[in-house]
Amino acid sequence: METGTCSHDPAHTTTRPVAALGHDFTGAWIHDDTHHWKECARTPGVISGNGVEESAKALHSFVGGVCSICERTQDLPTVVITVPSADHPTLADAITAAPAGAATIIRLEENITIPSAIAVDGKEITIVSQSGNTTISLVNNGRMFTVGSGGNLILGDTTSNTLTLQGMDDNTDSLITVNSGGRLEMNDSAVITGNKNTASTNVSFGSGVYVDGGEFYMNGGKITDCRRDSGNGAAVYIYNSGTATISGSSEISGNEVADGRFGGAITVTGGSTLTIEGDVTIHNNRAGSSGGAIFIQNAGTTLNMRGGSIYNNTADIGAGGVLVSLGTFNFYGGIIYGEDGLTQTHSPQRAPNTIGTGTGAALRVSDGTALYGDGTAIGTSEITIVGRPAP
């Protein structure tokens, strides 16, 4: 009911029915270790576990250590395993023994080899070098790791102890595949290198990291010297609505796709999203066709660039830096060097991206959309371009 009072005689009032406003559960999630909920902004004490209607608190739904609903980080006990050891002679033994309800840290004491793919499903596994530089080498054809649903594989840490994942010169698969529901993280000390994927296009994608609907967070480290002979995206291939964020001081360099192929370093396709931010450098990669550094393909695919430098990449036909072929490129920050790269006063100076023939030393837009952060359209550019933030 709504009550009205006479402005001349406060003793006189009137009432009339009004529609109930209902609950308002549009606020932030509240959570504890086990549950999450929202509280009604109009009626304190009334809660919603599903964020829509009045209901009890809801249990967290953890995927890779993060609740998929409220983004609460799971507090897992830490288990430390040393490899090799009497109980865990191989890395596969250690990962099999790792409990699902813990954050397991595996410390490598020496260089090791992996004869066949190791699955990381439903567990959080961190692999670090115990001291100095440690290498994990793939010795047979195929993958090194497959990260599946509920799996979170973390490579390296922030120390100076380098952890190197060494691929093969004549392989028929990417070194790591991240499937839907899986998560891969690389940190400062991690290096993925030397995998040459010679499989046909319909068999395998990428060569370094293949994100097949999963999540990839490159917080640092390097992906280098990977080659894809019959497909696109030698270092990273993001597909099937996958997501990737490359940030910090990450470096992607020295990768190559063969003649007629696209995305010397990275291919983003199939409705996927790539975000680049921080001090990332993508340089000295080559595409036998177009997109020396990055190839954006298919409607619904997005590249958000908020920082970093793309320089000294080459393409035989066009787009030495970035090729937009359908999809959307949002250029909020960072720099893509073009033909004037060495003559500009940008700091630090970088060698330009180059092309053999065609157009787009820095950027080529063959279809799709390329926009600065302020909404201004970007066309094919031969010269250096710098991102613009939203107003």
Protein backbone atom coordinates (compact mmCIF):
# COMPACT_ATOMS: atom_id res chain seq x y z
CA MET A 1 0.00 0.00 0.00
CA GLU A 2 1.01 3.62 -0.59
CA THR A 3 -0.06 6.31 1.94
CA GLY A 4 -0.61 9.98 1.05
CA THR A 5 -0.91 12.91 3.52
CA CYS A 6 -2.82 16.15 2.93
CA SER A 7 -0.48 19.15 2.69
CA HIS A 8 -3.04 21.36 4.51
CA ASP A 9 -4.24 18.94 7.18
CA PRO A 10 -1.75 16.20 8.13
CA ALA A 11 -4.54 14.40 9.99
CA HIS A 12 -6.14 13.52 6.66
CA THR A 13 -4.49 10.59 4.82
CA THR A 14 -5.38 8.31 2.00
CA THR A 15 -4.07 4.92 0.89
CA ARG A 16 -4.00 3.03 -2.39
CA PRO A 17 -2.58 -0.32 -3.47
CA VAL A 18 0.62 -0.31 -5.58
CA ALA A 19 2.43 -3.12 -7.32
CA ALA A 20 5.13 -4.81 -5.27
CA LEU A 21 8.66 -3.88 -6.36
CA GLY A 22 9.94 -7.40 -5.85
CA HIS A 23 13.41 -8.42 -4.82
CA ASP A 24 16.54 -6.87 -6.27
CA PHE A 25 19.44 -9.35 -6.51
CA THR A 26 21.57 -7.31 -8.91
CA GLY A 27 24.34 -6.67 -6.38
CA ALA A 28 27.70 -8.39 -5.99
CA TRP A 29 28.13 -12.00 -4.98
CA ILE A 30 28.85 -12.71 -1.33
CA HIS A 31 30.74 -15.89 -0.55
CA ASP A 32 32.44 -18.00 2.08
CA ASP A 33 34.67 -21.06 1.65
CA THR A 34 31.85 -23.31 0.47
CA HIS A 35 28.86 -21.23 -0.72
CA HIS A 36 27.90 -18.06 -2.60
CA TRP A 37 24.77 -15.90 -2.59
CA LYS A 38 23.35 -12.41 -3.20
CA GLU A 39 21.37 -10.29 -0.74
CA CYS A 40 18.24 -8.36 -1.73
CA ALA A 41 18.95 -4.63 -1.93
CA ARG A 42 15.39 -3.86 -0.78
CA THR A 43 14.92 -6.48 1.92
CA PRO A 44 18.03 -7.17 4.03
CA GLY A 45 18.30 -10.78 5.06
CA VAL A 46 16.57 -12.14 1.97
CA ILE A 47 19.13 -14.03 -0.11
CA SER A 48 19.47 -15.72 -3.49
CA GLY A 49 21.84 -18.58 -4.19
CA ASN A 50 21.21 -18.46 -7.93
CA GLY A 51 21.29 -14.67 -8.24
CA VAL A 52 17.76 -14.48 -9.66
CA GLU A 53 15.11 -15.45 -7.11
CA GLU A 54 14.86 -15.98 -3.39
CA SER A 55 16.65 -19.21 -2.54
CA ALA A 56 19.19 -20.77 -0.20
CA LYS A 57 22.95 -20.33 -0.45
CA ALA A 58 24.46 -22.30 -3.33
CA LEU A 59 27.59 -24.44 -3.35
CA HIS A 60 30.57 -23.19 -5.35
CA SER A 61 31.17 -24.73 -8.77
CA PHE A 62 34.95 -24.85 -8.99
CA VAL A 63 36.60 -25.25 -12.39
CA GLY A 64 40.38 -25.08 -12.37
CA GLY A 65 40.33 -23.71 -8.82
CA VAL A 66 37.91 -20.83 -9.60
CA CYS A 67 34.12 -20.82 -9.05
CA SER A 68 32.44 -20.51 -12.46
CA ILE A 69 29.57 -18.51 -10.88
CA CYS A 70 31.09 -16.04 -8.38
CA GLU A 71 34.81 -16.33 -9.31
CA ARG A 72 35.80 -17.24 -5.75
CA THR A 73 39.28 -18.79 -5.73
CA GLN A 74 39.41 -22.23 -4.20
CA ASP A 75 41.60 -22.51 -1.13
CA LEU A 76 43.37 -25.81 -1.70
CA PRO A 77 45.88 -27.47 0.59
CA THR A 78 49.35 -27.63 -0.96
CA VAL A 79 51.10 -30.93 -1.67
CA VAL A 80 54.76 -30.96 -2.75
CA ILE A 81 56.16 -33.88 -4.77
CA THR A 82 59.76 -34.25 -5.92
CA VAL A 83 60.55 -36.01 -9.22
CA PRO A 84 62.37 -38.32 -9.60
CA SER A 85 62.07 -39.97 -6.21
CA ALA A 86 61.56 -43.49 -4.86
CA ASP A 87 57.77 -43.01 -4.67
CA HIS A 88 57.46 -41.01 -7.90
CA PRO A 89 60.13 -42.03 -10.42
CA THR A 90 58.40 -40.28 -13.35
CA LEU A 91 56.36 -37.13 -13.89
CA ALA A 92 53.38 -39.24 -14.98
CA ASP A 93 53.56 -41.16 -11.67
CA ALA A 94 53.57 -37.90 -9.72
CA ILE A 95 50.57 -36.46 -11.56
CA THR A 96 48.61 -39.69 -11.14
CA ALA A 97 49.34 -39.66 -7.40
CA ALA A 98 48.40 -35.99 -6.96
CA PRO A 99 45.12 -35.64 -5.00
CA ALA A 100 42.23 -33.91 -6.76
CA GLY A 101 41.46 -31.72 -3.74
CA ALA A 102 44.89 -30.14 -3.44
CA ALA A 103 47.22 -27.74 -5.24
CA THR A 104 50.12 -30.02 -6.10
CA ILE A 105 53.59 -28.59 -6.74
CA ILE A 106 55.94 -30.95 -8.57
CA ARG A 107 59.60 -30.03 -8.26
CA LEU A 108 61.92 -31.43 -10.90
CA GLU A 109 65.37 -32.34 -9.65
CA GLU A 110 66.85 -33.10 -13.08
CA ASN A 111 66.15 -33.19 -16.80
CA ILE A 112 63.45 -35.72 -17.70
CA THR A 113 61.85 -37.24 -20.79
CA ILE A 114 58.20 -37.91 -21.57
CA PRO A 115 57.45 -40.89 -23.86
CA SER A 116 53.70 -40.25 -24.27
CA ALA A 117 51.04 -37.65 -23.50
CA ILE A 118 50.23 -36.97 -19.84
CA ALA A 119 46.62 -36.06 -19.01
CA VAL A 120 45.83 -33.38 -16.41
CA ASP A 121 42.12 -33.73 -15.55
CA GLY A 122 40.33 -32.50 -12.42
CA LYS A 123 43.57 -31.52 -10.69
CA GLU A 124 45.72 -28.43 -10.16
CA ILE A 125 49.33 -29.25 -11.03
CA THR A 126 52.26 -26.82 -10.88
CA ILE A 127 55.58 -27.95 -12.36
CA VAL A 128 58.74 -26.03 -11.44
CA SER A 129 62.48 -26.45 -11.68
CA GLN A 130 63.99 -27.24 -8.28
CA SER A 131 67.26 -25.48 -9.14
CA GLY A 132 69.01 -24.15 -12.20
CA ASN A 133 67.65 -24.94 -15.67
CA THR A 134 65.54 -28.08 -16.09
CA THR A 135 64.22 -29.50 -19.37
CA ILE A 136 61.25 -31.78 -20.07
CA SER A 137 61.81 -33.41 -23.46
CA LEU A 138 59.26 -35.17 -25.63
CA VAL A 139 60.87 -38.29 -27.12
CA ASN A 140 58.01 -39.84 -29.11
CA ASN A 141 55.48 -38.49 -31.57
CA GLY A 142 52.41 -36.77 -30.08
CA ARG A 143 51.52 -34.39 -27.29
CA MET A 144 53.39 -33.73 -24.10
CA PHE A 145 50.32 -32.69 -22.05
CA THR A 146 46.56 -32.72 -22.53
CA VAL A 147 44.65 -30.52 -20.06
CA GLY A 148 41.05 -31.65 -19.69
CA SER A 149 37.94 -30.62 -17.78
CA GLY A 150 38.69 -29.34 -14.29
CA GLY A 151 42.42 -29.51 -14.94
CA ASN A 152 44.77 -26.60 -14.27
CA LEU A 153 48.38 -27.01 -15.41
CA ILE A 154 50.76 -24.30 -14.24
CA LEU A 155 54.23 -24.17 -15.77
CA GLY A 156 57.10 -22.42 -14.00
CA ASP A 157 57.16 -19.72 -11.37
CA THR A 158 58.73 -16.29 -10.90
CA THR A 159 62.22 -17.54 -10.01
CA SER A 160 65.26 -17.66 -12.29
CA ASN A 161 65.09 -21.47 -12.45
CA THR A 162 64.10 -22.00 -16.08
CA LEU A 163 61.65 -24.80 -16.92
CA THR A 164 61.90 -25.71 -20.61
CA LEU A 165 59.42 -27.89 -22.50
CA GLN A 166 61.30 -29.23 -25.52
CA GLY A 167 59.34 -30.49 -28.52
CA MET A 168 60.38 -32.61 -31.49
CA ASP A 169 61.71 -31.69 -34.92
CA ASP A 170 59.24 -33.95 -36.73
CA ASN A 171 56.06 -34.20 -34.66
CA THR A 172 52.42 -34.58 -35.71
CA ASP A 173 50.74 -32.71 -32.85
CA SER A 174 50.90 -29.57 -30.74
CA LEU A 175 53.04 -29.83 -27.62
CA ILE A 176 50.14 -28.95 -25.26
CA THR A 177 46.39 -29.15 -25.90
CA VAL A 178 43.90 -27.40 -23.60
CA ASN A 179 40.40 -28.78 -23.99
CA SER A 180 37.09 -27.22 -22.89
CA GLY A 181 37.00 -26.85 -19.10
CA GLY A 182 40.80 -27.00 -18.87
CA ARG A 183 43.23 -24.23 -17.99
CA LEU A 184 46.92 -23.71 -18.78
CA GLU A 185 49.15 -21.08 -17.16
CA MET A 186 52.70 -20.10 -18.06
CA ASN A 187 54.84 -18.02 -15.73
CA ASP A 188 58.12 -16.12 -16.09
CA SER A 189 60.47 -19.10 -15.91
CA ALA A 190 58.62 -21.30 -18.43
CA VAL A 191 59.75 -21.85 -22.03
CA ILE A 192 57.99 -23.84 -24.78
CA THR A 193 60.30 -24.46 -27.71
CA GLY A 194 61.33 -26.53 -30.69
CA ASN A 195 58.13 -28.32 -31.69
CA LYS A 196 57.67 -28.80 -35.44
CA ASN A 197 54.17 -30.03 -36.30
CA THR A 198 54.13 -31.61 -39.76
CA ALA A 199 50.64 -33.17 -39.58
CA SER A 200 47.96 -32.43 -42.17
CA THR A 201 45.52 -29.58 -41.41
CA ASN A 202 42.63 -31.88 -40.54
CA VAL A 203 44.59 -33.83 -37.94
CA SER A 204 46.14 -31.29 -35.59
CA PHE A 205 46.16 -27.55 -34.95
CA GLY A 206 49.03 -25.30 -33.97
CA SER A 207 52.40 -26.51 -32.78
CA GLY A 208 53.16 -24.97 -29.38
CA VAL A 209 49.85 -24.54 -27.51
CA TYR A 210 46.49 -25.58 -28.97
CA VAL A 211 43.55 -24.06 -27.04
CA ASP A 212 40.51 -26.14 -28.02
CA GLY A 213 37.74 -24.41 -26.06
CA GLY A 214 39.83 -24.11 -22.89
CA GLU A 215 41.66 -21.23 -21.22
CA PHE A 216 45.29 -20.15 -21.62
CA TYR A 217 47.02 -17.54 -19.45
CA MET A 218 50.55 -16.64 -20.47
CA ASN A 219 51.68 -14.47 -17.56
CA GLY A 220 55.30 -14.53 -18.68
CA GLY A 221 57.85 -16.85 -20.23
CA LYS A 222 58.52 -17.64 -23.89
CA ILE A 223 57.15 -19.62 -26.81
CA THR A 224 59.83 -19.88 -29.45
CA ASP A 225 61.10 -21.87 -32.42
CA CYS A 226 57.85 -23.71 -33.19
CA ARG A 227 56.85 -24.52 -36.78
CA ARG A 228 53.58 -25.58 -38.44
CA ASP A 229 53.98 -26.98 -41.94
CA SER A 230 50.37 -27.68 -42.98
CA GLY A 231 48.33 -25.30 -40.85
CA ASN A 232 48.18 -21.93 -39.13
CA GLY A 233 49.37 -20.49 -35.81
CA ALA A 234 52.74 -22.04 -34.99
CA ALA A 235 53.08 -20.81 -31.39
CA VAL A 236 49.43 -20.59 -30.25
CA TYR A 237 46.21 -21.74 -31.97
CA ILE A 238 42.98 -20.66 -30.22
CA TYR A 239 39.81 -22.37 -31.41
CA ASN A 240 36.29 -23.46 -30.49
CA SER A 241 35.38 -20.40 -28.33
CA GLY A 242 38.60 -20.72 -26.38
CA THR A 243 40.11 -17.80 -24.47
CA ALA A 244 43.69 -16.67 -24.04
CA THR A 245 45.35 -13.79 -22.20
CA ILE A 246 48.99 -12.96 -22.93
CA SER A 247 50.39 -10.48 -20.42
CA GLY A 248 53.38 -9.40 -18.34
CA SER A 249 56.74 -9.76 -20.06
CA SER A 250 55.68 -12.70 -22.23
CA GLU A 251 57.65 -13.23 -25.44
CA ILE A 252 56.55 -15.07 -28.59
CA SER A 253 59.34 -15.15 -31.17
CA GLY A 254 61.03 -17.16 -33.86
CA ASN A 255 57.97 -19.17 -34.88
CA GLU A 256 56.92 -19.95 -38.45
CA VAL A 257 54.14 -21.35 -40.64
CA ALA A 258 54.99 -22.70 -44.07
CA ASP A 259 54.20 -21.34 -47.51
CA GLY A 260 50.51 -20.64 -48.05
CA ARG A 261 49.75 -20.59 -44.29
CA PHE A 262 48.59 -17.83 -41.94
CA GLY A 263 49.49 -16.56 -38.46
CA GLY A 264 53.22 -17.05 -38.02
CA ALA A 265 52.88 -16.81 -34.24
CA ILE A 266 49.17 -16.88 -33.32
CA THR A 267 45.87 -17.84 -34.94
CA VAL A 268 42.54 -16.87 -33.30
CA THR A 269 39.49 -18.52 -34.84
CA GLY A 270 36.18 -20.27 -34.19
CA GLY A 271 34.59 -17.57 -32.02
CA SER A 272 37.58 -17.38 -29.67
CA THR A 273 39.00 -14.37 -27.80
CA LEU A 274 42.62 -13.28 -27.34
CA THR A 275 43.67 -10.43 -25.05
CA ILE A 276 47.18 -8.93 -25.15
CA GLU A 277 48.31 -6.56 -22.39
CA GLY A 278 51.39 -5.48 -20.46
CA ASP A 279 54.92 -5.57 -21.91
CA VAL A 280 54.36 -8.48 -24.28
CA THR A 281 56.65 -8.73 -27.30
CA ILE A 282 55.69 -10.66 -30.45
CA HIS A 283 58.58 -10.52 -32.91
CA ASN A 284 60.64 -12.31 -35.54
CA ASN A 285 57.84 -14.66 -36.57
CA ARG A 286 57.02 -15.56 -40.19
CA ALA A 287 53.94 -16.52 -42.19
CA GLY A 288 54.34 -18.14 -45.60
CA SER A 289 51.16 -16.32 -46.63
CA SER A 290 49.68 -13.51 -44.46
CA GLY A 291 49.64 -12.44 -40.84
CA GLY A 292 53.28 -12.65 -39.80
CA ALA A 293 52.39 -12.23 -36.12
CA ILE A 294 48.61 -12.75 -35.68
CA PHE A 295 45.77 -14.06 -37.85
CA ILE A 296 42.16 -13.30 -36.81
CA GLN A 297 39.62 -15.49 -38.58
CA ASN A 298 35.85 -16.15 -38.49
CA ALA A 299 32.91 -14.05 -37.31
CA GLY A 300 32.65 -13.84 -33.53
CA THR A 301 36.40 -14.04 -33.07
CA THR A 302 38.00 -11.16 -31.15
CA LEU A 303 41.46 -9.74 -30.50
CA ASN A 304 41.69 -7.12 -27.73
CA MET A 305 45.10 -5.45 -27.66
CA ARG A 306 45.77 -3.23 -24.63
CA GLY A 307 49.55 -3.20 -24.62
CA GLY A 308 52.67 -4.84 -25.98
CA SER A 309 54.75 -4.52 -29.13
CA ILE A 310 54.42 -6.37 -32.43
CA TYR A 311 57.53 -5.88 -34.56
CA ASN A 312 59.97 -7.44 -37.02
CA ASN A 313 57.53 -10.12 -38.19
CA THR A 314 57.30 -11.04 -41.86
CA ALA A 315 54.66 -12.31 -44.27
CA ASP A 316 55.23 -13.30 -47.88
CA ILE A 317 51.95 -11.88 -49.22
CA GLY A 318 50.48 -9.34 -46.80
CA ALA A 319 49.95 -8.26 -43.19
CA GLY A 320 53.40 -8.47 -41.70
CA GLY A 321 51.90 -7.74 -38.29
CA VAL A 322 48.17 -8.49 -37.88
CA LEU A 323 45.69 -9.87 -40.43
CA VAL A 324 41.96 -9.35 -39.74
CA SER A 325 39.95 -11.76 -41.90
CA LEU A 326 36.47 -11.55 -40.37
CA GLY A 327 36.22 -11.15 -36.61
CA THR A 328 37.01 -8.00 -34.62
CA PHE A 329 40.25 -6.29 -33.60
CA ASN A 330 39.92 -3.76 -30.74
CA PHE A 331 43.14 -1.73 -30.48
CA TYR A 332 43.16 -0.04 -27.05
CA GLY A 333 46.91 0.20 -26.49
CA GLY A 334 50.33 -1.03 -27.55
CA ILE A 335 52.11 -0.59 -30.86
CA ILE A 336 52.33 -2.41 -34.19
CA TYR A 337 55.35 -1.33 -36.20
CA GLY A 338 55.12 -0.64 -39.92
CA GLU A 339 57.44 0.52 -42.67
CA ASP A 340 58.47 3.62 -40.72
CA GLY A 341 59.27 1.62 -37.58
CA LEU A 342 62.97 2.52 -37.46
CA THR A 343 62.49 6.22 -38.22
CA GLN A 344 59.91 6.99 -35.56
CA THR A 345 60.66 8.29 -32.09
CA HIS A 346 58.69 5.55 -30.34
CA SER A 347 60.49 4.10 -27.34
CA PRO A 348 61.83 1.50 -27.47
CA GLN A 349 62.47 1.58 -31.20
CA ARG A 350 61.68 -1.65 -33.03
CA ALA A 351 62.38 -2.99 -36.50
CA PRO A 352 59.24 -2.84 -38.67
CA ASN A 353 56.97 -5.68 -39.68
CA THR A 354 57.51 -6.38 -43.39
CA ILE A 355 55.80 -8.01 -46.38
CA GLY A 356 57.06 -9.53 -49.58
CA THR A 357 54.09 -8.45 -51.71
CA GLY A 358 50.56 -7.20 -51.05
CA THR A 359 49.60 -4.67 -48.40
CA GLY A 360 49.61 -4.12 -44.66
CA ALA A 361 53.11 -4.03 -43.22
CA ALA A 362 51.54 -3.27 -39.84
CA LEU A 363 47.87 -4.27 -40.31
CA ARG A 364 45.73 -5.68 -43.08
CA VAL A 365 41.93 -5.66 -42.82
CA SER A 366 40.59 -7.94 -45.53
CA ASP A 367 37.19 -8.28 -43.87
CA GLY A 368 35.76 -7.97 -40.38
CA THR A 369 36.26 -4.93 -38.15
CA ALA A 370 39.27 -3.08 -36.76
CA LEU A 371 38.65 -0.27 -34.27
CA TYR A 372 40.67 1.92 -31.96
CA GLY A 373 39.44 2.13 -28.38
CA ASP A 374 37.77 5.46 -29.14
CA GLY A 375 35.66 3.79 -31.82
CA THR A 376 37.56 5.12 -34.83
CA ALA A 377 37.89 2.59 -37.62
CA ILE A 378 41.36 1.36 -38.60
CA GLY A 379 42.09 0.48 -42.19
CA THR A 380 44.95 -1.44 -43.74
CA SER A 381 48.15 0.29 -42.64
CA GLU A 382 51.67 0.21 -44.01
CA ILE A 383 53.02 2.46 -41.26
CA THR A 384 53.30 2.15 -37.51
CA ILE A 385 50.02 2.31 -35.59
CA VAL A 386 49.52 2.97 -31.87
CA GLY A 387 46.49 1.91 -29.87
CA ARG A 388 44.06 4.44 -28.46
CA PRO A 389 42.18 3.93 -25.19
CA ALA A 390 38.46 4.45 -24.88
CA PRO A 391 37.56 8.10 -24.09
